[in-house]
């Protein structure tokens, strides 16, 4: 199962101008929250947040990868991150 190979998941609620992220363990315990602008700078902020909260194997659960989350999903994929649509 996927959760057995992960240390955590970063869930992202996407909006036109902002991104809200939550880091959780593989079994659902909350590690932290972050907000960032929907921009290249904000994408990097969320990646830095994720690396601090879940330094090992992680997966991103991103809302709207074909709309408001498209830029973030592309950025994360370019960085070698695992991204799934939710």
Protein backbone atom coordinates (compact mmCIF):
# COMPACT_ATOMS: atom_id res chain seq x y z
CA UNK A 1 0.00 0.00 0.00
CA UNK A 2 1.11 3.55 -0.71
CA UNK A 3 0.96 4.73 2.91
CA UNK A 4 3.43 1.99 3.92
CA UNK A 5 6.09 3.52 1.66
CA UNK A 6 5.58 7.11 2.85
CA UNK A 7 6.52 9.08 5.91
CA UNK A 8 3.90 11.71 5.18
CA UNK A 9 1.57 13.49 2.80
CA UNK A 10 1.31 17.17 1.96
CA UNK A 11 -2.27 18.08 1.10
CA UNK A 12 -2.81 21.33 -0.79
CA UNK A 13 -6.04 23.28 -1.20
CA UNK A 14 -5.52 25.50 -4.24
CA UNK A 15 -7.12 28.84 -5.02
CA UNK A 16 -6.47 31.47 -7.67
CA UNK A 17 -4.17 33.56 -5.48
CA UNK A 18 -3.28 31.36 -2.52
CA UNK A 19 -2.31 27.82 -1.57
CA UNK A 20 -3.08 26.24 1.80
CA UNK A 21 -1.07 23.15 2.74
CA UNK A 22 -1.16 20.66 5.59
CA UNK A 23 1.48 18.05 6.34
CA UNK A 24 0.28 14.80 7.89
CA UNK A 25 1.94 11.52 8.80
CA UNK A 26 1.14 8.39 6.83
CA UNK A 27 -1.53 7.55 9.42
CA UNK A 28 -3.06 11.05 9.47
CA UNK A 29 -1.51 12.90 12.41
CA UNK A 30 -1.11 16.60 11.62
CA UNK A 31 2.48 17.84 11.50
CA UNK A 32 1.91 21.44 10.42
CA UNK A 33 0.14 23.96 8.19
CA UNK A 34 1.40 26.58 5.74
CA UNK A 35 -0.08 29.21 3.45
CA UNK A 36 1.68 30.60 0.40
CA UNK A 37 0.93 32.72 -2.64
CA UNK A 38 0.10 30.88 -5.87
CA UNK A 39 3.37 31.89 -7.52
CA UNK A 40 6.86 30.53 -8.15
CA UNK A 41 7.95 31.97 -4.80
CA UNK A 42 5.00 30.33 -3.06
CA UNK A 43 5.71 26.97 -4.71
CA UNK A 44 9.25 27.07 -3.32
CA UNK A 45 7.94 28.06 0.12
CA UNK A 46 5.66 25.01 0.16
CA UNK A 47 8.46 22.72 -0.99
CA UNK A 48 10.70 24.05 1.81
CA UNK A 49 7.82 23.52 4.28
CA UNK A 50 7.33 19.95 3.07
CA UNK A 51 11.03 19.14 3.31
CA UNK A 52 11.09 20.41 6.91
CA UNK A 53 7.91 18.60 7.97
CA UNK A 54 8.39 15.33 6.04
CA UNK A 55 12.09 15.01 5.24
CA UNK A 56 11.76 11.41 4.01
CA UNK A 57 9.44 9.82 1.46
CA UNK A 58 6.41 12.02 0.88
CA UNK A 59 3.56 12.43 -1.54
CA UNK A 60 1.67 15.57 -2.48
CA UNK A 61 -2.13 15.43 -2.68
CA UNK A 62 -2.99 18.52 -4.75
CA UNK A 63 -6.47 19.75 -5.55
CA UNK A 64 -7.10 20.96 -9.10
CA UNK A 65 -3.93 19.85 -10.90
CA UNK A 66 -5.53 20.86 -14.20
CA UNK A 67 -6.68 24.27 -12.96
CA UNK A 68 -5.49 26.33 -9.95
CA UNK A 69 -3.05 23.61 -8.90
CA UNK A 70 -1.49 23.12 -12.35
CA UNK A 71 1.51 25.39 -11.76
CA UNK A 72 2.28 23.85 -8.38
CA UNK A 73 1.92 20.30 -9.72
CA UNK A 74 4.28 21.05 -12.62
CA UNK A 75 6.83 22.68 -10.31
CA UNK A 76 6.75 19.77 -7.86
CA UNK A 77 7.06 17.19 -10.65
CA UNK A 78 10.11 19.05 -12.01
CA UNK A 79 11.63 18.81 -8.51
CA UNK A 80 11.15 15.03 -8.49
CA UNK A 81 8.22 15.08 -6.05
CA UNK A 82 5.39 12.55 -6.21
CA UNK A 83 2.08 14.36 -6.94
CA UNK A 84 -1.46 12.96 -7.06
CA UNK A 85 -4.73 14.73 -7.87
CA UNK A 86 -7.38 14.89 -5.15
